[in-house]
Full PDB file with SEQRES, HELIX, SHEET, SSBOND, CRYST1, ORIGX, SCALE, CONECT and MASTER records, all heavy atoms in Angstrom:
SEQRES   1 A   42  GLN LYS GLN LEU VAL GLU SER GLY GLY GLY LEU VAL GLN          
SEQRES   2 A   42  ALA GLY ASP SER LEU ARG LEU SER CYS LEU ALA SER GLY          
SEQRES   3 A   42  LEU THR PHE SER THR TYR ALA MET GLY TRP PHE ARG GLN          
SEQRES   4 A   42  ALA PRO ALA                                                  
HELIX    1 AA1 PHE A   29  THR A   31  5                                   3    
SHEET    1 AA1 2 GLN A   3  SER A   7  0                                        
SHEET    2 AA1 2 SER A  21  SER A  25 -1                                        
CRYST1    1.000    1.000    1.000  90.00  90.00  90.00 P 1           1          
ORIGX1      1.000000  0.000000  0.000000        0.00000                         
ORIGX2      0.000000  1.000000  0.000000        0.00000                         
ORIGX3      0.000000  0.000000  1.000000        0.00000                         
SCALE1      1.000000  0.000000  0.000000        0.00000                         
SCALE2      0.000000  1.000000  0.000000        0.00000                         
SCALE3      0.000000  0.000000  1.000000        0.00000                         
ATOM      1  N   GLN A   1       2.484  53.512  68.192  1.00  0.00           N  
ATOM      2  CA  GLN A   1       2.021  52.641  67.145  1.00  0.00           C  
ATOM      3  C   GLN A   1       3.065  51.572  66.853  1.00  0.00           C  
ATOM      4  O   GLN A   1       4.237  51.754  67.136  1.00  0.00           O  
ATOM      5  CB  GLN A   1       1.714  53.431  65.879  1.00  0.00           C  
ATOM      6  CG  GLN A   1       2.929  54.081  65.261  1.00  0.00           C  
ATOM      7  CD  GLN A   1       2.600  54.812  63.964  1.00  0.00           C  
ATOM      8  OE1 GLN A   1       1.432  55.065  63.640  1.00  0.00           O  
ATOM      9  NE2 GLN A   1       3.640  55.190  63.236  1.00  0.00           N  
ATOM     10  N   LYS A   2       2.606  50.508  66.300  1.00  0.00           N  
ATOM     11  CA  LYS A   2       3.522  49.429  65.886  1.00  0.00           C  
ATOM     12  C   LYS A   2       4.289  49.848  64.673  1.00  0.00           C  
ATOM     13  O   LYS A   2       3.708  50.371  63.692  1.00  0.00           O  
ATOM     14  CB  LYS A   2       2.737  48.151  65.618  1.00  0.00           C  
ATOM     15  CG  LYS A   2       2.016  47.609  66.864  1.00  0.00           C  
ATOM     16  CD  LYS A   2       1.206  46.385  66.544  1.00  0.00           C  
ATOM     17  CE  LYS A   2       0.610  45.771  67.805  1.00  0.00           C  
ATOM     18  NZ  LYS A   2      -0.374  46.711  68.437  1.00  0.00           N  
ATOM     19  N   GLN A   3       5.581  49.603  64.671  1.00  0.00           N  
ATOM     20  CA  GLN A   3       6.434  50.070  63.618  1.00  0.00           C  
ATOM     21  C   GLN A   3       7.560  49.073  63.380  1.00  0.00           C  
ATOM     22  O   GLN A   3       8.140  48.543  64.349  1.00  0.00           O  
ATOM     23  CB  GLN A   3       7.002  51.439  63.914  1.00  0.00           C  
ATOM     24  CG  GLN A   3       7.763  52.075  62.775  1.00  0.00           C  
ATOM     25  CD  GLN A   3       8.194  53.507  63.079  1.00  0.00           C  
ATOM     26  OE1 GLN A   3       8.263  53.909  64.225  1.00  0.00           O  
ATOM     27  NE2 GLN A   3       8.471  54.242  62.026  1.00  0.00           N  
ATOM     28  N   LEU A   4       7.867  48.826  62.111  1.00  0.00           N  
ATOM     29  CA  LEU A   4       8.990  48.020  61.694  1.00  0.00           C  
ATOM     30  C   LEU A   4       9.853  48.849  60.781  1.00  0.00           C  
ATOM     31  O   LEU A   4       9.343  49.422  59.819  1.00  0.00           O  
ATOM     32  CB  LEU A   4       8.523  46.731  60.993  1.00  0.00           C  
ATOM     33  CG  LEU A   4       7.509  45.832  61.741  1.00  0.00           C  
ATOM     34  CD1 LEU A   4       7.040  44.728  60.832  1.00  0.00           C  
ATOM     35  CD2 LEU A   4       8.175  45.270  62.991  1.00  0.00           C  
ATOM     36  N   VAL A   5      11.156  48.889  61.022  1.00  0.00           N  
ATOM     37  CA  VAL A   5      12.072  49.687  60.219  1.00  0.00           C  
ATOM     38  C   VAL A   5      13.208  48.806  59.726  1.00  0.00           C  
ATOM     39  O   VAL A   5      13.983  48.292  60.525  1.00  0.00           O  
ATOM     40  CB  VAL A   5      12.634  50.852  61.007  1.00  0.00           C  
ATOM     41  CG1 VAL A   5      13.580  51.671  60.140  1.00  0.00           C  
ATOM     42  CG2 VAL A   5      11.484  51.765  61.510  1.00  0.00           C  
ATOM     43  N   GLU A   6      13.300  48.640  58.410  1.00  0.00           N  
ATOM     44  CA  GLU A   6      14.343  47.829  57.811  1.00  0.00           C  
ATOM     45  C   GLU A   6      15.578  48.699  57.553  1.00  0.00           C  
ATOM     46  O   GLU A   6      15.472  49.909  57.293  1.00  0.00           O  
ATOM     47  CB  GLU A   6      13.868  47.212  56.496  1.00  0.00           C  
ATOM     48  CG  GLU A   6      12.653  46.338  56.599  1.00  0.00           C  
ATOM     49  CD  GLU A   6      11.359  47.076  56.284  1.00  0.00           C  
ATOM     50  OE1 GLU A   6      11.332  48.322  56.416  1.00  0.00           O  
ATOM     51  OE2 GLU A   6      10.375  46.414  55.899  1.00  0.00           O  
ATOM     52  N   SER A   7      16.730  48.053  57.550  1.00  0.00           N  
ATOM     53  CA  SER A   7      17.966  48.700  57.198  1.00  0.00           C  
ATOM     54  C   SER A   7      18.939  47.663  56.657  1.00  0.00           C  
ATOM     55  O   SER A   7      18.739  46.459  56.796  1.00  0.00           O  
ATOM     56  CB  SER A   7      18.572  49.425  58.405  1.00  0.00           C  
ATOM     57  OG  SER A   7      18.909  48.547  59.425  1.00  0.00           O  
ATOM     58  N   GLY A   8      20.017  48.131  56.028  1.00  0.00           N  
ATOM     59  CA  GLY A   8      21.052  47.252  55.556  1.00  0.00           C  
ATOM     60  C   GLY A   8      21.080  47.000  54.057  1.00  0.00           C  
ATOM     61  O   GLY A   8      22.014  46.342  53.583  1.00  0.00           O  
ATOM     62  N   GLY A   9      20.107  47.497  53.345  1.00  0.00           N  
ATOM     63  CA  GLY A   9      20.108  47.325  51.904  1.00  0.00           C  
ATOM     64  C   GLY A   9      21.165  48.176  51.240  1.00  0.00           C  
ATOM     65  O   GLY A   9      21.790  49.038  51.845  1.00  0.00           O  
ATOM     66  N   GLY A  10      21.389  47.894  49.960  1.00  0.00           N  
ATOM     67  CA  GLY A  10      22.354  48.647  49.207  1.00  0.00           C  
ATOM     68  C   GLY A  10      22.636  48.031  47.883  1.00  0.00           C  
ATOM     69  O   GLY A  10      21.948  47.117  47.442  1.00  0.00           O  
ATOM     70  N   LEU A  11      23.672  48.557  47.232  1.00  0.00           N  
ATOM     71  CA  LEU A  11      24.097  48.100  45.910  1.00  0.00           C  
ATOM     72  C   LEU A  11      25.336  47.233  46.086  1.00  0.00           C  
ATOM     73  O   LEU A  11      26.351  47.691  46.638  1.00  0.00           O  
ATOM     74  CB  LEU A  11      24.390  49.291  44.996  1.00  0.00           C  
ATOM     75  CG  LEU A  11      25.004  48.985  43.629  1.00  0.00           C  
ATOM     76  CD1 LEU A  11      24.034  48.147  42.791  1.00  0.00           C  
ATOM     77  CD2 LEU A  11      25.359  50.261  42.910  1.00  0.00           C  
ATOM     78  N   VAL A  12      25.273  45.988  45.619  1.00  0.00           N  
ATOM     79  CA  VAL A  12      26.392  45.065  45.713  1.00  0.00           C  
ATOM     80  C   VAL A  12      26.545  44.326  44.397  1.00  0.00           C  
ATOM     81  O   VAL A  12      25.695  44.414  43.517  1.00  0.00           O  
ATOM     82  CB  VAL A  12      26.193  44.037  46.841  1.00  0.00           C  
ATOM     83  CG1 VAL A  12      26.125  44.727  48.190  1.00  0.00           C  
ATOM     84  CG2 VAL A  12      24.948  43.209  46.604  1.00  0.00           C  
ATOM     85  N   GLN A  13      27.653  43.628  44.268  1.00  0.00           N  
ATOM     86  CA  GLN A  13      27.925  42.832  43.083  1.00  0.00           C  
ATOM     87  C   GLN A  13      27.526  41.384  43.320  1.00  0.00           C  
ATOM     88  O   GLN A  13      27.459  40.923  44.448  1.00  0.00           O  
ATOM     89  CB  GLN A  13      29.393  42.914  42.695  1.00  0.00           C  
ATOM     90  CG  GLN A  13      29.866  44.275  42.270  1.00  0.00           C  
ATOM     91  CD  GLN A  13      31.297  44.271  41.811  1.00  0.00           C  
ATOM     92  OE1 GLN A  13      32.004  43.275  41.887  1.00  0.00           O  
ATOM     93  NE2 GLN A  13      31.766  45.412  41.326  1.00  0.00           N  
ATOM     94  N   ALA A  14      27.271  40.693  42.219  1.00  0.00           N  
ATOM     95  CA  ALA A  14      26.956  39.261  42.325  1.00  0.00           C  
ATOM     96  C   ALA A  14      28.035  38.517  43.098  1.00  0.00           C  
ATOM     97  O   ALA A  14      29.217  38.764  42.904  1.00  0.00           O  
ATOM     98  CB  ALA A  14      26.782  38.675  40.942  1.00  0.00           C  
ATOM     99  N   GLY A  15      27.599  37.650  43.991  1.00  0.00           N  
ATOM    100  CA  GLY A  15      28.492  36.895  44.830  1.00  0.00           C  
ATOM    101  C   GLY A  15      28.728  37.528  46.177  1.00  0.00           C  
ATOM    102  O   GLY A  15      29.258  36.871  47.071  1.00  0.00           O  
ATOM    103  N   ASP A  16      28.345  38.771  46.362  1.00  0.00           N  
ATOM    104  CA  ASP A  16      28.557  39.462  47.623  1.00  0.00           C  
ATOM    105  C   ASP A  16      27.488  39.057  48.650  1.00  0.00           C  
ATOM    106  O   ASP A  16      26.534  38.324  48.341  1.00  0.00           O  
ATOM    107  CB  ASP A  16      28.514  40.983  47.414  1.00  0.00           C  
ATOM    108  CG  ASP A  16      29.748  41.519  46.776  1.00  0.00           C  
ATOM    109  OD1 ASP A  16      30.726  40.768  46.635  1.00  0.00           O  
ATOM    110  OD2 ASP A  16      29.740  42.716  46.381  1.00  0.00           O  
ATOM    111  N   SER A  17      27.645  39.578  49.858  1.00  0.00           N  
ATOM    112  CA  SER A  17      26.734  39.312  50.939  1.00  0.00           C  
ATOM    113  C   SER A  17      26.195  40.590  51.539  1.00  0.00           C  
ATOM    114  O   SER A  17      26.869  41.642  51.489  1.00  0.00           O  
ATOM    115  CB  SER A  17      27.412  38.493  52.035  1.00  0.00           C  
ATOM    116  OG  SER A  17      27.834  37.235  51.589  1.00  0.00           O  
ATOM    117  N   LEU A  18      25.010  40.533  52.099  1.00  0.00           N  
ATOM    118  CA  LEU A  18      24.428  41.620  52.860  1.00  0.00           C  
ATOM    119  C   LEU A  18      23.710  41.041  54.069  1.00  0.00           C  
ATOM    120  O   LEU A  18      23.217  39.902  53.992  1.00  0.00           O  
ATOM    121  CB  LEU A  18      23.418  42.409  52.012  1.00  0.00           C  
ATOM    122  CG  LEU A  18      23.936  43.439  51.021  1.00  0.00           C  
ATOM    123  CD1 LEU A  18      22.731  43.998  50.221  1.00  0.00           C  
ATOM    124  CD2 LEU A  18      24.638  44.582  51.738  1.00  0.00           C  
ATOM    125  N   ARG A  19      23.589  41.834  55.101  1.00  0.00           N  
ATOM    126  CA  ARG A  19      22.740  41.483  56.229  1.00  0.00           C  
ATOM    127  C   ARG A  19      21.711  42.571  56.443  1.00  0.00           C  
ATOM    128  O   ARG A  19      22.058  43.729  56.741  1.00  0.00           O  
ATOM    129  CB  ARG A  19      23.549  41.256  57.502  1.00  0.00           C  
ATOM    130  CG  ARG A  19      22.660  40.655  58.631  1.00  0.00           C  
ATOM    131  CD  ARG A  19      23.424  40.377  59.905  1.00  0.00           C  
ATOM    132  NE  ARG A  19      23.640  41.587  60.665  1.00  0.00           N  
ATOM    133  CZ  ARG A  19      23.878  41.600  62.000  1.00  0.00           C  
ATOM    134  NH1 ARG A  19      23.933  40.454  62.657  1.00  0.00           N  
ATOM    135  NH2 ARG A  19      24.107  42.725  62.613  1.00  0.00           N  
ATOM    136  N   LEU A  20      20.468  42.219  56.297  1.00  0.00           N  
ATOM    137  CA  LEU A  20      19.360  43.133  56.567  1.00  0.00           C  
ATOM    138  C   LEU A  20      18.928  43.038  58.018  1.00  0.00           C  
ATOM    139  O   LEU A  20      18.978  41.954  58.602  1.00  0.00           O  
ATOM    140  CB  LEU A  20      18.178  42.864  55.655  1.00  0.00           C  
ATOM    141  CG  LEU A  20      18.456  42.808  54.147  1.00  0.00           C  
ATOM    142  CD1 LEU A  20      17.131  42.568  53.401  1.00  0.00           C  
ATOM    143  CD2 LEU A  20      19.135  44.073  53.672  1.00  0.00           C  
ATOM    144  N   SER A  21      18.516  44.150  58.566  1.00  0.00           N  
ATOM    145  CA  SER A  21      17.992  44.194  59.928  1.00  0.00           C  
ATOM    146  C   SER A  21      16.602  44.825  59.929  1.00  0.00           C  
ATOM    147  O   SER A  21      16.320  45.693  59.091  1.00  0.00           O  
ATOM    148  CB  SER A  21      18.911  44.997  60.854  1.00  0.00           C  
ATOM    149  OG  SER A  21      20.213  44.419  60.906  1.00  0.00           O  
ATOM    150  N   CYS A  22      15.789  44.407  60.840  1.00  0.00           N  
ATOM    151  CA  CYS A  22      14.454  44.993  61.000  1.00  0.00           C  
ATOM    152  C   CYS A  22      14.230  45.219  62.497  1.00  0.00           C  
ATOM    153  O   CYS A  22      14.178  44.233  63.255  1.00  0.00           O  
ATOM    154  CB  CYS A  22      13.398  44.070  60.402  1.00  0.00           C  
ATOM    155  SG  CYS A  22      11.695  44.608  60.709  1.00  0.00           S  
ATOM    156  N   LEU A  23      14.132  46.446  62.889  1.00  0.00           N  
ATOM    157  CA  LEU A  23      13.906  46.817  64.274  1.00  0.00           C  
ATOM    158  C   LEU A  23      12.434  47.065  64.522  1.00  0.00           C  
ATOM    159  O   LEU A  23      11.825  47.903  63.813  1.00  0.00           O  
ATOM    160  CB  LEU A  23      14.721  48.043  64.654  1.00  0.00           C  
ATOM    161  CG  LEU A  23      14.550  48.580  66.078  1.00  0.00           C  
ATOM    162  CD1 LEU A  23      14.997  47.577  67.097  1.00  0.00           C  
ATOM    163  CD2 LEU A  23      15.276  49.905  66.225  1.00  0.00           C  
ATOM    164  N   ALA A  24      11.837  46.402  65.484  1.00  0.00           N  
ATOM    165  CA  ALA A  24      10.432  46.548  65.806  1.00  0.00           C  
ATOM    166  C   ALA A  24      10.244  47.432  67.023  1.00  0.00           C  
ATOM    167  O   ALA A  24      11.047  47.444  67.939  1.00  0.00           O  
ATOM    168  CB  ALA A  24       9.813  45.182  66.062  1.00  0.00           C  
ATOM    169  N   SER A  25       9.144  48.174  67.027  1.00  0.00           N  
ATOM    170  CA  SER A  25       8.775  48.978  68.157  1.00  0.00           C  
ATOM    171  C   SER A  25       7.245  49.006  68.279  1.00  0.00           C  
ATOM    172  O   SER A  25       6.549  48.777  67.324  1.00  0.00           O  
ATOM    173  CB  SER A  25       9.331  50.399  68.055  1.00  0.00           C  
ATOM    174  OG  SER A  25       8.800  51.062  66.925  1.00  0.00           O  
ATOM    175  N   GLY A  26       6.772  49.265  69.485  1.00  0.00           N  
ATOM    176  CA  GLY A  26       5.348  49.344  69.685  1.00  0.00           C  
ATOM    177  C   GLY A  26       4.635  48.002  69.804  1.00  0.00           C  
ATOM    178  O   GLY A  26       3.406  47.983  69.797  1.00  0.00           O  
ATOM    179  N   LEU A  27       5.388  46.940  69.887  1.00  0.00           N  
ATOM    180  CA  LEU A  27       4.815  45.622  70.050  1.00  0.00           C  
ATOM    181  C   LEU A  27       5.709  44.766  70.949  1.00  0.00           C  
ATOM    182  O   LEU A  27       6.868  45.072  71.114  1.00  0.00           O  
ATOM    183  CB  LEU A  27       4.571  44.946  68.700  1.00  0.00           C  
ATOM    184  CG  LEU A  27       5.736  44.896  67.668  1.00  0.00           C  
ATOM    185  CD1 LEU A  27       6.727  43.806  68.044  1.00  0.00           C  
ATOM    186  CD2 LEU A  27       5.204  44.671  66.274  1.00  0.00           C  
ATOM    187  N   THR A  28       5.117  43.721  71.511  1.00  0.00           N  
ATOM    188  CA  THR A  28       5.872  42.769  72.287  1.00  0.00           C  
ATOM    189  C   THR A  28       6.521  41.804  71.298  1.00  0.00           C  
ATOM    190  O   THR A  28       5.892  40.804  70.881  1.00  0.00           O  
ATOM    191  CB  THR A  28       4.987  42.059  73.306  1.00  0.00           C  
ATOM    192  OG1 THR A  28       4.345  43.033  74.142  1.00  0.00           O  
ATOM    193  CG2 THR A  28       5.837  41.135  74.192  1.00  0.00           C  
ATOM    194  N   PHE A  29       7.767  42.062  70.965  1.00  0.00           N  
ATOM    195  CA  PHE A  29       8.390  41.422  69.833  1.00  0.00           C  
ATOM    196  C   PHE A  29       8.378  39.893  69.928  1.00  0.00           C  
ATOM    197  O   PHE A  29       8.156  39.200  68.942  1.00  0.00           O  
ATOM    198  CB  PHE A  29       9.807  41.948  69.708  1.00  0.00           C  
ATOM    199  CG  PHE A  29      10.577  41.414  68.519  1.00  0.00           C  
ATOM    200  CD1 PHE A  29      10.226  41.825  67.235  1.00  0.00           C  
ATOM    201  CD2 PHE A  29      11.628  40.518  68.699  1.00  0.00           C  
ATOM    202  CE1 PHE A  29      10.931  41.327  66.142  1.00  0.00           C  
ATOM    203  CE2 PHE A  29      12.319  40.047  67.607  1.00  0.00           C  
ATOM    204  CZ  PHE A  29      11.991  40.449  66.320  1.00  0.00           C  
ATOM    205  N   SER A  30       8.625  39.380  71.129  1.00  0.00           N  
ATOM    206  CA  SER A  30       8.739  37.932  71.305  1.00  0.00           C  
ATOM    207  C   SER A  30       7.433  37.181  71.103  1.00  0.00           C  
ATOM    208  O   SER A  30       7.461  35.949  71.060  1.00  0.00           O  
ATOM    209  CB  SER A  30       9.327  37.604  72.695  1.00  0.00           C  
ATOM    210  OG  SER A  30       8.451  38.065  73.701  1.00  0.00           O  
ATOM    211  N   THR A  31       6.317  37.872  70.997  1.00  0.00           N  
ATOM    212  CA  THR A  31       5.031  37.228  70.739  1.00  0.00           C  
ATOM    213  C   THR A  31       4.638  37.222  69.266  1.00  0.00           C  
ATOM    214  O   THR A  31       3.524  36.834  68.944  1.00  0.00           O  
ATOM    215  CB  THR A  31       3.911  37.877  71.557  1.00  0.00           C  
ATOM    216  OG1 THR A  31       3.711  39.229  71.120  1.00  0.00           O  
ATOM    217  CG2 THR A  31       4.268  37.895  73.040  1.00  0.00           C  
ATOM    218  N   TYR A  32       5.544  37.648  68.403  1.00  0.00           N  
ATOM    219  CA  TYR A  32       5.245  37.719  66.980  1.00  0.00           C  
ATOM    220  C   TYR A  32       6.176  36.830  66.168  1.00  0.00           C  
ATOM    221  O   TYR A  32       7.376  36.805  66.367  1.00  0.00           O  
ATOM    222  CB  TYR A  32       5.451  39.173  66.467  1.00  0.00           C  
ATOM    223  CG  TYR A  32       4.313  40.087  66.887  1.00  0.00           C  
ATOM    224  CD1 TYR A  32       4.261  40.595  68.181  1.00  0.00           C  
ATOM    225  CD2 TYR A  32       3.341  40.459  65.960  1.00  0.00           C  
ATOM    226  CE1 TYR A  32       3.229  41.435  68.570  1.00  0.00           C  
ATOM    227  CE2 TYR A  32       2.316  41.331  66.352  1.00  0.00           C  
ATOM    228  CZ  TYR A  32       2.260  41.805  67.638  1.00  0.00           C  
ATOM    229  OH  TYR A  32       1.231  42.649  67.990  1.00  0.00           O  
ATOM    230  N   ALA A  33       5.563  36.088  65.263  1.00  0.00           N  
ATOM    231  CA  ALA A  33       6.337  35.489  64.188  1.00  0.00           C  
ATOM    232  C   ALA A  33       6.763  36.591  63.244  1.00  0.00           C  
ATOM    233  O   ALA A  33       6.037  37.579  63.055  1.00  0.00           O  
ATOM    234  CB  ALA A  33       5.532  34.407  63.466  1.00  0.00           C  
ATOM    235  N   MET A  34       7.929  36.430  62.635  1.00  0.00           N  
ATOM    236  CA  MET A  34       8.471  37.463  61.758  1.00  0.00           C  
ATOM    237  C   MET A  34       8.815  36.876  60.410  1.00  0.00           C  
ATOM    238  O   MET A  34       9.199  35.707  60.297  1.00  0.00           O  
ATOM    239  CB  MET A  34       9.718  38.084  62.386  1.00  0.00           C  
ATOM    240  CG  MET A  34       9.523  38.744  63.730  1.00  0.00           C  
ATOM    241  SD  MET A  34       8.415  40.200  63.641  1.00  0.00           S  
ATOM    242  CE  MET A  34       9.367  41.252  62.528  1.00  0.00           C  
ATOM    243  N   GLY A  35       8.718  37.695  59.404  1.00  0.00           N  
ATOM    244  CA  GLY A  35       9.050  37.245  58.054  1.00  0.00           C  
ATOM    245  C   GLY A  35       9.752  38.318  57.254  1.00  0.00           C  
ATOM    246  O   GLY A  35       9.651  39.514  57.542  1.00  0.00           O  
ATOM    247  N   TRP A  36      10.476  37.853  56.254  1.00  0.00           N  
ATOM    248  CA  TRP A  36      11.076  38.702  55.234  1.00  0.00           C  
ATOM    249  C   TRP A  36      10.419  38.390  53.913  1.00  0.00           C  
ATOM    250  O   TRP A  36      10.234  37.227  53.534  1.00  0.00           O  
ATOM    251  CB  TRP A  36      12.595  38.494  55.128  1.00  0.00           C  
ATOM    252  CG  TRP A  36      13.374  39.117  56.232  1.00  0.00           C  
ATOM    253  CD1 TRP A  36      13.867  38.500  57.338  1.00  0.00           C  
ATOM    254  CD2 TRP A  36      13.763  40.484  56.311  1.00  0.00           C  
ATOM    255  NE1 TRP A  36      14.537  39.425  58.118  1.00  0.00           N  
ATOM    256  CE2 TRP A  36      14.494  40.635  57.520  1.00  0.00           C  
ATOM    257  CE3 TRP A  36      13.590  41.606  55.501  1.00  0.00           C  
ATOM    258  CZ2 TRP A  36      15.017  41.843  57.919  1.00  0.00           C  
ATOM    259  CZ3 TRP A  36      14.118  42.832  55.894  1.00  0.00           C  
ATOM    260  CH2 TRP A  36      14.857  42.921  57.096  1.00  0.00           C  
ATOM    261  N   PHE A  37      10.097  39.431  53.168  1.00  0.00           N  
ATOM    262  CA  PHE A  37       9.445  39.333  51.870  1.00  0.00           C  
ATOM    263  C   PHE A  37      10.144  40.266  50.901  1.00  0.00           C  
ATOM    264  O   PHE A  37      10.857  41.175  51.318  1.00  0.00           O  
ATOM    265  CB  PHE A  37       7.942  39.693  52.014  1.00  0.00           C  
ATOM    266  CG  PHE A  37       7.236  38.909  53.063  1.00  0.00           C  
ATOM    267  CD1 PHE A  37       7.322  39.256  54.389  1.00  0.00           C  
ATOM    268  CD2 PHE A  37       6.498  37.801  52.708  1.00  0.00           C  
ATOM    269  CE1 PHE A  37       6.684  38.513  55.372  1.00  0.00           C  
ATOM    270  CE2 PHE A  37       5.847  37.062  53.679  1.00  0.00           C  
ATOM    271  CZ  PHE A  37       5.930  37.398  55.024  1.00  0.00           C  
ATOM    272  N   ARG A  38       9.930  40.048  49.633  1.00  0.00           N  
ATOM    273  CA  ARG A  38      10.571  40.919  48.653  1.00  0.00           C  
ATOM    274  C   ARG A  38       9.655  41.107  47.450  1.00  0.00           C  
ATOM    275  O   ARG A  38       8.828  40.266  47.143  1.00  0.00           O  
ATOM    276  CB  ARG A  38      11.934  40.385  48.210  1.00  0.00           C  
ATOM    277  CG  ARG A  38      11.866  39.090  47.398  1.00  0.00           C  
ATOM    278  CD  ARG A  38      13.276  38.568  47.134  1.00  0.00           C  
ATOM    279  NE  ARG A  38      13.299  37.359  46.339  1.00  0.00           N  
ATOM    280  CZ  ARG A  38      14.359  36.634  46.064  1.00  0.00           C  
ATOM    281  NH1 ARG A  38      15.573  37.020  46.543  1.00  0.00           N  
ATOM    282  NH2 ARG A  38      14.290  35.556  45.327  1.00  0.00           N  
ATOM    283  N   GLN A  39       9.875  42.238  46.788  1.00  0.00           N  
ATOM    284  CA  GLN A  39       9.102  42.556  45.603  1.00  0.00           C  
ATOM    285  C   GLN A  39      10.029  43.213  44.566  1.00  0.00           C  
ATOM    286  O   GLN A  39      10.595  44.279  44.829  1.00  0.00           O  
ATOM    287  CB  GLN A  39       7.935  43.476  45.917  1.00  0.00           C  
ATOM    288  CG  GLN A  39       7.004  43.705  44.747  1.00  0.00           C  
ATOM    289  CD  GLN A  39       5.697  44.328  45.129  1.00  0.00           C  
ATOM    290  OE1 GLN A  39       5.570  44.874  46.218  1.00  0.00           O  
ATOM    291  NE2 GLN A  39       4.713  44.235  44.258  1.00  0.00           N  
ATOM    292  N   ALA A  40      10.174  42.543  43.448  1.00  0.00           N  
ATOM    293  CA  ALA A  40      10.936  43.059  42.333  1.00  0.00           C  
ATOM    294  C   ALA A  40      10.020  43.847  41.402  1.00  0.00           C  
ATOM    295  O   ALA A  40       8.801  43.658  41.414  1.00  0.00           O  
ATOM    296  CB  ALA A  40      11.612  41.918  41.584  1.00  0.00           C  
ATOM    297  N   PRO A  41      10.571  44.742  40.588  1.00  0.00           N  
ATOM    298  CA  PRO A  41       9.735  45.512  39.661  1.00  0.00           C  
ATOM    299  C   PRO A  41       8.888  44.601  38.771  1.00  0.00           C  
ATOM    300  O   PRO A  41       9.379  43.604  38.256  1.00  0.00           O  
ATOM    301  CB  PRO A  41      10.761  46.284  38.825  1.00  0.00           C  
ATOM    302  CG  PRO A  41      11.934  46.445  39.723  1.00  0.00           C  
ATOM    303  CD  PRO A  41      11.992  45.147  40.503  1.00  0.00           C  
ATOM    304  N   ALA A  42       7.617  44.939  38.663  1.00  0.00           N  
ATOM    305  CA  ALA A  42       6.685  44.226  37.805  1.00  0.00           C  
ATOM    306  C   ALA A  42       6.416  42.805  38.279  1.00  0.00           C  
ATOM    307  O   ALA A  42       5.882  41.995  37.507  1.00  0.00           O  
ATOM    308  CB  ALA A  42       7.132  44.233  36.355  1.00  0.00           C  
TER     309      ALA A  42                                                      
MASTER        0    0    0    1    2    0    0    6  308    1    0    4          
END                                                                             
């Protein structure tokens, strides 16, 4: 099956940096446009 798995999140302080990664499987990755989205509480 097609699967996307995110990693790299965590708790940081204002001004810090993070790098998120998303590993895809079950699909021909180079034929897909990719996006990052977010949802905050409420």
